[in-house]
Structure formats: structure tokens, C-alpha cells
Amino acid sequence: MAATDALIPATISDPVNAAILAVSEDRLSGFQRDPFGAIAAQSGIDAEIVIERIRAMLRAGTIRRVRQTLMATSLARGALVAWQVEPERLDAAFDYLFREDPFSGHVVIRTADPATPGSSYRLWTTLKVPQGFSLRKHAEFLRGQIGAEGVRLMPARKFFALGVGHVRRRGLEPGARADAPAEAMDTTVVELSAREWEVLVALKREFAADELVRDLWRPRADSIGMSLDAFEAVARELQARKVIGRFSTFLEHVKATANQERVTRYNALFHWAVPAGREIEAGREVGRHYVITHAYWREGGPEFRNVNIMAVAHGMEKERVLAHKAAIDEHLREAGIDFGYTNVFWGGRSEIKPSEIVPAAYIAFCRRHGIDPAAMASQSPEPDGGDE
């Protein structure tokens, strides 16, 4: 009989939990028929213990969610968005975007030296809108809701790193990197059938602790009246179309968790302005560094001195994060990639949730807000970025 949750360690410092998390955060790519068996195989820990520990960490808040992630960049138009909001309205704007807008994901208040270009853009979010709807129009709706003076949309042109893995990144030496440059990943949107959307919605819904069982997907297949084999077949098709991400346990990496532990303390958004035409080469060199959780080519525009490579890193000590940044700078120079400008935007208050990407959910959102969904339809082509 399994021990009660109160007796099961739920801290990340527990060696068994650390071994599990080193795999479960970002090492299970694609659709896994038996994700807990896969974690067991890679961690050397029995699958039933894996389930027991993940349940306990989820209930304790050490893990904030367990879910199958999607390659949302392949399913919805998206952008990193910087909002210029008056200081006295900043927290209210943060709350609105986190609590009221299902399409805003990461919501972060960032700071930079006041002399830094773009330092007045304190509020940063990710934003995705489902297929058929306009990213720009939705941003303008949100701008009115939060009273933003300015907004800069920065769609990703390429991605070079997309993985969290905070536990396995602890103790990295500055400059630690893969032997080969990172892959440059596309952001082309894939159209799905109604059946594929039905399976996708069942796949992406996060799991409650009581749902964490070895035969994880059978209840999800049952919920949409599909056999497990048929459900898996569609999931495999979606994986082949590159819309399936990872099965992942997401840690609460900003707030303190069990035993007042923190996974990280500092969240840094690095900016580089590299010569036009060398964005992919530079992004691949940045993305090969193990400390980087996200790296992408985005156009910052004149508001941010035309930066075009951005990356995110986390750490427990600010000086250590800066040492990683210095090592990446030096590596770029050694690779013959100059950059005319670079900077760091530090994260403060932060909340993270998955962005909704289902078209029907956007229609329902519009109707709740008295908006004609047809008025929010995308144009082709739709303008990218800019501050209007």
C-alpha cells in the first residue's frame, strides 16, 4: 500500500524526486503511450514510485502542472508581446492578462537599466490566437482593456531551443554547450481536422493528481468515445505533423514550494542585435548552450534597438546568470558573429499558464465580451510586429 502524501517527500532536493524531475521536466519528447514507464526507464526508479512521487509533488505545489505539451507555434499564430503601461497600472494590467485572457500565456514584469532602449516596456507576455483569428486585432483589444500606451508584437521567425529542465540545468558551468549547433525550428501553422482537434483537446488537458495512473490515456480516449488504439493512432499522426511537444511535469519555478524551496531565483531575457542575414546562424549558436531554455529569432524593432535574437535563462544567483551570458557573448564572437548591441531584461513578478489555441474557445471568448467573432478574423497577410 502506498504511503500517505504526508509521508512522501515532495521537495526537489530529495534525491529520488530530483532524479525523476531531471527526466520528467523535458526529456519525454512526443507522445508517450506509457510516460511513467519511460520516466522509470530513464531515471532507474520504479514506475509506481515515479507516479507516487509526482502525485505528491503536484499536491504539494512543487509541480504546478502535469500535461502533454503541444508545439503551439504550429497550431496558432503567436508572438512575444511587450506592453508599455504606466507604473500605477502595471499590476492591474498584469492581473487582467493572467486571469482574464485565455490567450496570454507567460505574463512577466521585467526591468532593465533605465537607459536601456525599451526599458519603459515593463510588461511582457506570450500571446497566441487560434487559427483564423487576428493576433494584431486581439492585441489591440487587450491594449484597450489594460490601458497600454504602446505595444510591440514580436512573432517568432525561428525557434532554436524550447525546453525547461530546471533541475538538470543546476550546476552548469558557464559556456557548457552541445557539440553541434541547435536545430532551427519553423513556425508554420498546421491545419487540423475536427477529429484531430478532438484528440488534441483531450491530450492537452492537464492532469489532476488522482488521474496519474500507469494506464494514463485510456480515460482520455474514453472521454471522447474512442478506443485507446485509435486515440494513440491519431496522437502519432499529430506527432508526425510536428504538433506534439513533450509530456512534462512543470515545476513552480518562481514561487517557493515545499519546504520553501525555489527552483530558480532569476529569470533573464537576453537580447542581441546580430547582422541581418546571420540570425539563423546566431540563434543556433545561442541555442546550443545548455543553460538556455528558450531561444528564438524575433524582430525587436526600433523600440528595442533592432535586436533580433532573444533567449531566456534561469538561475539561483544573478552573477551566475550573467556569467552564462558572458560565455555566450564570447562564443558568438569566437564564431565570427558580431553583435552591435546586447542587453538583459530581468524578470520579476511572473505567472505562467498554457495559452488556449482551440478556435471554438476563441469564438466563445468573443461572444462573452460582446465581440463579433467575424470582426476578429485574420487578414492575409497580417502585419507583424510594430507599435500602432
Protein backbone atom coordinates (compact mmCIF):
# COMPACT_ATOMS: atom_id res chain seq x y z
CA MET A 1 0.00 0.00 0.00
CA ALA A 2 1.32 3.41 -0.90
CA ALA A 3 2.23 5.77 1.89
CA THR A 4 0.04 8.79 2.50
CA ASP A 5 1.05 12.02 0.79
CA ALA A 6 2.10 13.48 4.13
CA LEU A 7 4.84 10.87 4.39
CA ILE A 8 6.07 11.13 0.81
CA PRO A 9 8.86 13.66 0.17
CA ALA A 10 7.67 16.46 -2.12
CA THR A 11 10.81 18.57 -2.29
CA ILE A 12 13.07 18.92 -5.30
CA SER A 13 16.12 18.36 -3.08
CA ASP A 14 15.02 14.81 -2.28
CA PRO A 15 17.36 12.63 -4.39
CA VAL A 16 14.59 10.38 -5.72
CA ASN A 17 12.46 13.36 -6.73
CA ALA A 18 15.46 15.10 -8.29
CA ALA A 19 16.21 12.01 -10.40
CA ILE A 20 12.60 11.85 -11.55
CA LEU A 21 12.41 15.56 -12.34
CA ALA A 22 15.68 15.51 -14.27
CA VAL A 23 13.79 13.32 -16.77
CA SER A 24 10.16 14.38 -16.40
CA GLU A 25 10.65 18.13 -16.90
CA ASP A 26 11.70 17.99 -20.55
CA ARG A 27 13.16 14.63 -21.57
CA LEU A 28 10.00 12.91 -22.86
CA SER A 29 9.61 14.08 -26.43
CA GLY A 30 6.48 13.43 -28.46
CA PHE A 31 3.51 11.26 -27.49
CA GLN A 32 4.31 8.60 -24.89
CA ARG A 33 1.86 5.70 -24.55
CA ASP A 34 3.37 4.98 -21.12
CA PRO A 35 5.07 8.18 -19.91
CA PHE A 36 5.64 6.94 -16.37
CA GLY A 37 7.27 3.80 -17.69
CA ALA A 38 9.53 5.99 -19.83
CA ILE A 39 10.49 8.12 -16.81
CA ALA A 40 11.20 4.93 -14.87
CA ALA A 41 13.41 3.58 -17.62
CA GLN A 42 15.48 6.77 -17.85
CA SER A 43 15.69 7.50 -14.11
CA GLY A 44 16.16 3.94 -12.82
CA ILE A 45 13.25 4.38 -10.41
CA ASP A 46 10.26 2.01 -10.32
CA ALA A 47 7.26 3.32 -12.25
CA GLU A 48 4.88 3.06 -9.28
CA ILE A 49 7.27 5.15 -7.19
CA VAL A 50 7.51 7.65 -10.05
CA ILE A 51 3.72 8.02 -10.05
CA GLU A 52 3.58 8.25 -6.25
CA ARG A 53 6.26 10.96 -6.12
CA ILE A 54 4.80 13.04 -8.97
CA ARG A 55 1.35 12.89 -7.34
CA ALA A 56 2.82 14.09 -4.05
CA MET A 57 4.78 16.92 -5.67
CA LEU A 58 1.71 18.02 -7.63
CA ARG A 59 -0.46 18.09 -4.50
CA ALA A 60 2.25 19.99 -2.59
CA GLY A 61 2.59 22.59 -5.35
CA THR A 62 6.21 21.69 -6.13
CA ILE A 63 4.94 20.63 -9.56
CA ARG A 64 2.42 23.17 -10.84
CA ARG A 65 1.03 21.07 -13.69
CA VAL A 66 1.39 17.75 -15.47
CA ARG A 67 0.38 17.73 -19.12
CA GLN A 68 1.13 16.81 -22.68
CA THR A 69 2.56 19.92 -24.28
CA LEU A 70 1.92 20.91 -27.86
CA MET A 71 4.01 22.74 -30.40
CA ALA A 72 1.68 25.69 -30.13
CA THR A 73 3.71 27.61 -32.71
CA SER A 74 2.46 25.01 -35.21
CA LEU A 75 -1.17 25.40 -34.15
CA ALA A 76 -1.75 29.12 -33.64
CA ARG A 77 -0.27 32.47 -34.58
CA GLY A 78 1.81 33.72 -31.69
CA ALA A 79 4.14 36.46 -30.57
CA LEU A 80 6.15 37.71 -27.66
CA VAL A 81 4.48 40.98 -26.69
CA ALA A 82 5.98 43.94 -24.84
CA TRP A 83 3.45 46.34 -23.31
CA GLN A 84 4.13 49.93 -22.30
CA VAL A 85 1.94 50.58 -19.28
CA GLU A 86 2.03 53.41 -16.76
CA PRO A 87 3.65 52.24 -13.48
CA GLU A 88 0.48 52.77 -11.44
CA ARG A 89 -1.47 50.49 -13.81
CA LEU A 90 1.16 47.79 -14.15
CA ASP A 91 -0.13 45.33 -11.56
CA ALA A 92 -3.75 45.68 -12.68
CA ALA A 93 -2.69 45.06 -16.29
CA PHE A 94 -0.69 42.03 -15.17
CA ASP A 95 -3.72 40.63 -13.31
CA TYR A 96 -6.03 41.15 -16.26
CA LEU A 97 -3.79 39.40 -18.76
CA PHE A 98 -3.13 36.50 -16.42
CA ARG A 99 -6.66 35.99 -15.10
CA GLU A 100 -8.96 37.22 -17.85
CA ASP A 101 -7.25 36.49 -21.16
CA PRO A 102 -7.01 32.76 -22.01
CA PHE A 103 -4.70 33.50 -24.93
CA SER A 104 -1.93 35.19 -22.93
CA GLY A 105 0.49 32.61 -21.54
CA HIS A 106 3.64 33.76 -19.75
CA VAL A 107 3.00 37.10 -18.02
CA VAL A 108 6.12 38.75 -16.60
CA ILE A 109 7.05 42.17 -15.27
CA ARG A 110 10.61 42.86 -16.41
CA THR A 111 13.16 45.51 -15.55
CA ALA A 112 16.26 46.83 -17.28
CA ASP A 113 18.58 49.76 -16.74
CA PRO A 114 16.51 52.94 -17.30
CA ALA A 115 18.88 53.96 -20.10
CA THR A 116 18.18 50.71 -21.96
CA PRO A 117 16.12 51.07 -25.15
CA GLY A 118 12.65 49.71 -24.42
CA SER A 119 13.02 49.89 -20.63
CA SER A 120 9.59 51.57 -20.41
CA TYR A 121 8.07 48.32 -21.76
CA ARG A 122 7.82 46.60 -18.39
CA LEU A 123 5.03 44.09 -19.03
CA TRP A 124 5.90 41.11 -21.24
CA THR A 125 3.60 38.30 -22.32
CA THR A 126 3.36 35.50 -24.79
CA LEU A 127 0.20 35.70 -26.89
CA LYS A 128 -1.37 33.14 -29.21
CA VAL A 129 -4.68 33.32 -31.07
CA PRO A 130 -6.36 30.28 -32.64
CA GLN A 131 -6.28 29.67 -36.36
CA GLY A 132 -8.42 32.04 -38.40
CA PHE A 133 -8.21 34.96 -35.97
CA SER A 134 -6.00 38.03 -35.90
CA LEU A 135 -3.12 38.36 -33.49
CA ARG A 136 -2.97 42.11 -34.10
CA LYS A 137 -6.71 42.62 -33.53
CA HIS A 138 -6.63 40.66 -30.30
CA ALA A 139 -3.61 42.64 -29.08
CA GLU A 140 -5.46 45.87 -29.83
CA PHE A 141 -8.48 44.62 -27.86
CA LEU A 142 -6.18 43.83 -24.91
CA ARG A 143 -4.46 47.18 -25.26
CA GLY A 144 -7.78 48.90 -24.69
CA GLN A 145 -8.62 46.65 -21.74
CA ILE A 146 -5.37 47.32 -19.86
CA GLY A 147 -4.81 50.90 -20.99
CA ALA A 148 -1.41 50.27 -22.58
CA GLU A 149 0.26 53.25 -24.18
CA GLY A 150 2.30 51.10 -26.53
CA VAL A 151 2.54 47.51 -27.67
CA ARG A 152 5.23 45.69 -29.64
CA LEU A 153 4.37 42.32 -31.20
CA MET A 154 7.36 40.11 -31.95
CA PRO A 155 6.36 36.91 -33.75
CA ALA A 156 8.99 34.19 -33.83
CA ARG A 157 10.59 33.59 -37.21
CA LYS A 158 12.58 30.61 -35.96
CA PHE A 159 12.98 28.74 -32.68
CA PHE A 160 16.31 27.27 -31.54
CA ALA A 161 15.56 26.00 -28.02
CA LEU A 162 12.28 25.01 -26.34
CA GLY A 163 12.84 23.09 -23.12
CA VAL A 164 12.66 23.87 -19.44
CA GLY A 165 14.55 21.29 -17.36
CA HIS A 166 15.48 23.50 -14.40
CA VAL A 167 16.63 20.60 -12.22
CA ARG A 168 19.03 19.15 -14.79
CA ARG A 169 20.40 22.66 -15.50
CA ARG A 170 21.56 23.22 -11.94
CA GLY A 171 25.32 23.39 -11.55
CA LEU A 172 26.04 24.03 -15.22
CA GLU A 173 29.35 25.70 -15.91
CA PRO A 174 29.17 28.91 -17.97
CA GLY A 175 29.79 28.07 -21.61
CA ALA A 176 28.60 24.45 -21.33
CA ARG A 177 27.08 23.61 -24.69
CA ALA A 178 26.27 20.84 -27.14
CA ASP A 179 28.81 19.64 -29.65
CA ALA A 180 26.68 20.85 -32.55
CA PRO A 181 24.58 23.98 -33.11
CA ALA A 182 20.89 23.82 -32.21
CA GLU A 183 18.26 22.98 -34.81
CA ALA A 184 16.38 25.88 -36.40
CA MET A 185 12.67 25.08 -36.00
CA ASP A 186 9.94 26.53 -38.19
CA THR A 187 6.73 28.23 -37.04
CA THR A 188 4.45 27.21 -39.92
CA VAL A 189 0.84 26.73 -38.77
CA VAL A 190 -0.65 23.26 -39.42
CA GLU A 191 -4.36 22.85 -40.16
CA LEU A 192 -6.19 20.02 -38.37
CA SER A 193 -9.38 18.07 -38.97
CA ALA A 194 -12.26 18.11 -36.47
CA ARG A 195 -11.24 14.61 -35.29
CA GLU A 196 -7.66 15.70 -34.76
CA TRP A 197 -8.78 18.73 -32.75
CA GLU A 198 -10.95 16.47 -30.59
CA VAL A 199 -7.99 14.25 -29.75
CA LEU A 200 -5.71 17.25 -29.29
CA VAL A 201 -8.07 18.85 -26.76
CA ALA A 202 -8.16 15.59 -24.78
CA LEU A 203 -4.37 15.27 -24.97
CA LYS A 204 -3.52 18.78 -23.78
CA ARG A 205 -5.80 19.00 -20.72
CA GLU A 206 -3.65 19.00 -17.60
CA PHE A 207 -3.89 16.10 -15.17
CA ALA A 208 -5.20 16.18 -11.62
CA ALA A 209 -3.21 14.15 -9.09
CA ASP A 210 -5.86 11.41 -8.96
CA GLU A 211 -5.64 10.98 -12.75
CA LEU A 212 -1.98 9.98 -12.60
CA VAL A 213 -2.10 6.23 -13.22
CA ARG A 214 0.01 3.87 -15.31
CA ASP A 215 -2.69 3.50 -18.00
CA LEU A 216 -2.77 7.26 -18.36
CA TRP A 217 -4.51 7.79 -21.70
CA ARG A 218 -7.37 5.28 -21.55
CA PRO A 219 -9.70 7.63 -19.60
CA ARG A 220 -8.95 10.44 -22.08
CA ALA A 221 -9.79 8.15 -25.01
CA ASP A 222 -12.97 7.03 -23.25
CA SER A 223 -13.99 10.66 -22.67
CA ILE A 224 -14.29 11.23 -26.41
CA GLY A 225 -15.74 7.82 -27.24
CA MET A 226 -12.60 6.46 -28.87
CA SER A 227 -10.66 3.26 -28.35
CA LEU A 228 -7.19 3.64 -26.87
CA ASP A 229 -5.61 2.25 -30.04
CA ALA A 230 -7.48 4.75 -32.23
CA PHE A 231 -6.61 7.58 -29.83
CA GLU A 232 -2.94 6.65 -29.98
CA ALA A 233 -3.04 6.39 -33.77
CA VAL A 234 -4.30 9.98 -34.07
CA ALA A 235 -1.74 11.14 -31.48
CA ARG A 236 1.02 9.51 -33.55
CA GLU A 237 -0.30 11.24 -36.69
CA LEU A 238 -0.20 14.56 -34.86
CA GLN A 239 3.34 13.83 -33.73
CA ALA A 240 4.36 13.11 -37.32
CA ARG A 241 2.90 16.50 -38.26
CA LYS A 242 5.09 18.10 -35.57
CA VAL A 243 2.33 19.49 -33.38
CA ILE A 244 3.10 17.34 -30.31
CA GLY A 245 5.67 18.64 -27.86
CA ARG A 246 6.63 16.81 -24.67
CA PHE A 247 4.95 15.02 -21.80
CA SER A 248 6.10 17.20 -18.94
CA THR A 249 5.93 17.95 -15.24
CA PHE A 250 6.21 21.73 -14.84
CA LEU A 251 7.83 23.00 -11.67
CA GLU A 252 6.76 26.14 -9.85
CA HIS A 253 9.99 27.91 -10.66
CA VAL A 254 9.24 31.42 -9.42
CA LYS A 255 7.43 30.95 -6.12
CA ALA A 256 8.69 28.99 -3.12
CA THR A 257 7.29 25.46 -2.87
CA ALA A 258 7.52 22.62 -0.35
CA ASN A 259 9.98 23.43 2.46
CA GLN A 260 10.21 26.96 0.99
CA GLU A 261 12.42 25.67 -1.81
CA ARG A 262 12.94 27.59 -5.02
CA VAL A 263 13.91 26.00 -8.30
CA THR A 264 15.28 29.29 -9.62
CA ARG A 265 15.51 32.89 -8.39
CA TYR A 266 16.49 34.83 -11.50
CA ASN A 267 14.84 34.86 -14.91
CA ALA A 268 16.74 36.71 -17.63
CA LEU A 269 15.69 37.61 -21.16
CA PHE A 270 18.84 38.14 -23.23
CA HIS A 271 18.84 40.41 -26.30
CA TRP A 272 21.35 40.51 -29.14
CA ALA A 273 21.32 42.55 -32.35
CA VAL A 274 23.25 40.47 -34.89
CA PRO A 275 23.89 41.42 -38.53
CA ALA A 276 20.95 40.90 -40.88
CA GLY A 277 21.31 37.58 -42.66
CA ARG A 278 23.05 35.88 -39.73
CA GLU A 279 20.03 35.42 -37.47
CA ILE A 280 19.73 31.67 -38.01
CA GLU A 281 23.44 31.06 -37.54
CA ALA A 282 23.49 33.17 -34.36
CA GLY A 283 20.33 31.55 -32.98
CA ARG A 284 21.76 28.08 -33.48
CA GLU A 285 24.92 29.06 -31.60
CA VAL A 286 22.95 30.57 -28.72
CA GLY A 287 20.52 27.65 -28.59
CA ARG A 288 23.28 25.04 -28.23
CA HIS A 289 24.13 26.37 -24.73
CA TYR A 290 22.60 24.08 -22.13
CA VAL A 291 21.53 26.92 -19.82
CA ILE A 292 19.14 28.35 -22.41
CA THR A 293 15.51 27.28 -22.02
CA HIS A 294 14.12 29.28 -24.97
CA ALA A 295 15.90 30.88 -27.91
CA TYR A 296 14.33 32.47 -30.96
CA TRP A 297 14.67 34.91 -33.80
CA ARG A 298 12.28 37.80 -33.23
CA GLU A 299 12.45 41.35 -34.52
CA GLY A 300 12.53 43.84 -31.65
CA GLY A 301 12.27 46.86 -33.91
CA PRO A 302 13.40 50.39 -33.11
CA GLU A 303 11.79 50.21 -29.65
CA PHE A 304 14.47 47.66 -28.69
CA ARG A 305 17.34 48.89 -30.86
CA ASN A 306 16.57 46.32 -33.55
CA VAL A 307 17.50 43.24 -31.53
CA ASN A 308 16.77 40.05 -33.43
CA ILE A 309 17.98 37.16 -31.26
CA MET A 310 16.39 36.59 -27.85
CA ALA A 311 16.93 33.85 -25.30
CA VAL A 312 15.83 33.00 -21.77
CA ALA A 313 17.96 31.61 -18.95
CA HIS A 314 17.28 30.99 -15.26
CA GLY A 315 19.50 30.60 -12.23
CA MET A 316 19.79 30.80 -8.47
CA GLU A 317 22.43 33.56 -8.46
CA LYS A 318 22.31 36.71 -10.58
CA GLU A 319 26.08 36.77 -11.06
CA ARG A 320 25.99 33.17 -12.29
CA VAL A 321 23.32 34.04 -14.87
CA LEU A 322 25.48 36.96 -16.03
CA ALA A 323 28.48 34.62 -16.28
CA HIS A 324 26.47 32.37 -18.60
CA LYS A 325 25.54 35.42 -20.69
CA ALA A 326 29.21 36.49 -20.91
CA ALA A 327 30.20 33.00 -22.03
CA ILE A 328 27.57 33.04 -24.80
CA ASP A 329 28.75 36.50 -25.88
CA GLU A 330 32.31 35.24 -26.13
CA HIS A 331 31.24 32.14 -28.04
CA LEU A 332 29.37 34.29 -30.60
CA ARG A 333 32.48 36.39 -31.11
CA GLU A 334 34.63 33.28 -31.49
CA ALA A 335 32.15 32.02 -34.10
CA GLY A 336 32.67 35.25 -36.02
CA ILE A 337 29.20 36.60 -35.25
CA ASP A 338 29.41 40.19 -34.10
CA PHE A 339 26.56 41.92 -32.34
CA GLY A 340 26.14 45.66 -32.28
CA TYR A 341 24.02 45.70 -29.16
CA THR A 342 23.10 43.35 -26.32
CA ASN A 343 21.21 43.63 -23.06
CA VAL A 344 19.39 41.77 -20.29
CA PHE A 345 15.78 42.23 -19.15
CA TRP A 346 15.29 40.70 -15.70
CA GLY A 347 12.05 39.01 -14.71
CA GLY A 348 10.19 39.95 -11.55
CA ARG A 349 6.56 39.13 -10.87
CA SER A 350 5.64 36.20 -13.09
CA GLU A 351 2.78 33.81 -13.79
CA ILE A 352 2.61 31.09 -16.42
CA LYS A 353 -0.33 29.26 -17.94
CA PRO A 354 -0.86 27.44 -21.25
CA SER A 355 -2.36 29.65 -23.96
CA GLU A 356 -5.69 28.47 -25.33
CA ILE A 357 -5.39 27.55 -29.01
CA VAL A 358 -8.75 25.96 -29.87
CA PRO A 359 -10.79 28.01 -32.40
CA ALA A 360 -14.11 27.26 -30.68
CA ALA A 361 -12.73 28.72 -27.46
CA TYR A 362 -11.94 31.98 -29.24
CA ILE A 363 -15.46 32.24 -30.62
CA ALA A 364 -16.85 31.69 -27.11
CA PHE A 365 -14.48 34.36 -25.74
CA CYS A 366 -15.67 36.89 -28.32
CA ARG A 367 -19.31 36.24 -27.52
CA ARG A 368 -18.70 36.65 -23.79
CA HIS A 369 -17.21 40.06 -24.50
CA GLY A 370 -19.86 41.19 -26.96
CA ILE A 371 -17.48 40.95 -29.93
CA ASP A 372 -18.49 39.68 -33.36
CA PRO A 373 -16.03 36.81 -33.99
CA ALA A 374 -16.04 37.68 -37.71
CA ALA A 375 -14.64 41.10 -36.84
CA MET A 376 -11.59 39.40 -35.30
CA ALA A 377 -10.83 37.28 -38.35
CA SER A 378 -7.27 37.39 -39.62
CA GLN A 379 -6.27 39.11 -42.80
CA SER A 380 -3.84 37.65 -45.28
CA PRO A 381 -1.14 38.68 -44.99
CA GLU A 382 -1.41 40.08 -41.48
CA PRO A 383 1.14 42.69 -40.43
CA ASP A 384 3.74 41.53 -37.93
CA GLY A 385 5.14 43.47 -35.01
CA GLY A 386 5.22 47.21 -34.69
CA ASP A 387 3.66 49.68 -32.36
CA GLU A 388 0.46 51.23 -33.66
